[in-house]
Protein backbone atom coordinates (compact mmCIF):
# COMPACT_ATOMS: atom_id res chain seq x y z
CA UNK A 1 -23.77 21.61 -50.37
CA UNK A 2 -22.46 25.02 -49.76
CA UNK A 3 -22.42 25.79 -53.20
CA UNK A 4 -25.70 24.78 -54.46
CA UNK A 5 -26.78 26.67 -51.28
CA UNK A 6 -24.77 29.63 -52.67
CA UNK A 7 -25.52 29.06 -56.43
CA UNK A 8 -29.81 28.99 -55.71
CA UNK A 9 -29.56 32.11 -53.34
CA UNK A 10 -27.57 33.82 -56.13
CA UNK A 11 -30.33 33.20 -57.96
CA UNK A 12 -33.04 33.94 -56.33
CA UNK A 13 -32.04 37.61 -55.27
CA UNK A 14 -32.05 41.29 -56.78
CA UNK A 15 -28.32 41.42 -55.10
CA UNK A 16 -26.03 39.07 -55.97
CA UNK A 17 -22.59 39.93 -54.70
CA UNK A 18 -24.47 40.24 -51.37
CA UNK A 19 -24.63 36.33 -50.71
CA UNK A 20 -22.44 34.59 -48.98
CA UNK A 21 -22.94 31.38 -46.77
CA UNK A 22 -21.10 30.11 -44.17
CA UNK A 23 -20.55 26.98 -42.81
CA UNK A 24 -19.94 25.77 -39.01
CA UNK A 25 -20.07 22.45 -38.70
CA UNK A 26 -20.39 20.16 -35.08
CA UNK A 27 -20.26 16.83 -34.11
CA UNK A 28 -23.93 15.89 -35.48
CA UNK A 29 -24.86 19.11 -36.69
CA UNK A 30 -23.99 21.31 -39.57
CA UNK A 31 -25.42 24.94 -39.51
CA UNK A 32 -25.57 26.90 -42.76
CA UNK A 33 -26.06 31.10 -42.58
CA UNK A 34 -27.02 32.36 -45.67
CA UNK A 35 -26.04 36.28 -45.55
CA UNK A 36 -28.03 38.49 -47.94
CA UNK A 37 -28.91 42.10 -48.53
CA UNK A 38 -32.01 43.53 -46.44
CA UNK A 39 -34.08 43.96 -49.39
CA UNK A 40 -33.69 40.22 -51.07
CA UNK A 41 -34.94 38.48 -47.68
CA UNK A 42 -38.15 37.82 -48.78
CA UNK A 43 -37.06 36.21 -51.70
CA UNK A 44 -35.27 33.76 -50.01
CA UNK A 45 -38.21 33.32 -47.66
CA UNK A 46 -41.12 33.02 -50.71
CA UNK A 47 -45.06 33.25 -49.91
CA UNK A 48 -45.57 31.63 -47.03
CA UNK A 49 -41.93 30.58 -46.93
CA UNK A 50 -42.00 27.96 -49.52
CA UNK A 51 -38.80 28.84 -51.30
CA UNK A 52 -37.19 28.52 -47.91
CA UNK A 53 -38.88 25.63 -46.86
CA UNK A 54 -37.76 23.53 -50.48
CA UNK A 55 -34.41 25.05 -49.45
CA UNK A 56 -34.67 23.07 -45.89
CA UNK A 57 -36.29 19.97 -48.23
CA UNK A 58 -32.54 20.05 -49.98
CA UNK A 59 -30.81 20.00 -47.28
CA UNK A 60 -32.45 17.62 -45.14
CA UNK A 61 -32.33 14.91 -47.80
CA UNK A 62 -28.10 15.81 -47.65
CA UNK A 63 -27.88 15.26 -44.29
CA UNK A 64 -29.80 12.20 -44.14
CA UNK A 65 -27.36 10.60 -46.83
CA UNK A 66 -24.85 12.09 -44.90
CA UNK A 67 -26.08 10.89 -40.86
CA UNK A 68 -26.12 14.41 -39.75
CA UNK A 69 -28.85 17.11 -39.08
CA UNK A 70 -28.54 20.51 -40.74
CA UNK A 71 -30.04 24.04 -39.97
CA UNK A 72 -30.55 26.67 -42.66
CA UNK A 73 -30.16 30.87 -41.01
CA UNK A 74 -30.75 33.84 -43.12
CA UNK A 75 -29.09 37.15 -41.78
CA UNK A 76 -29.28 39.95 -42.89
């Protein structure tokens, strides 16, 4: 999942070299932190949050399969 998030984020932003994905796993929750350039935050969020919602949907589908909860945070 980390590689998929990294691929999606790098495809959307203007500065793909600044994209970093951090993963913190708990007992039933996985936290994904996307670190990007401040100028690229809008591209990850999308109009009215539609892009971010789509990324969260992918995480949800993956986490249900593994019986876990996934949380996504954007760090600038």
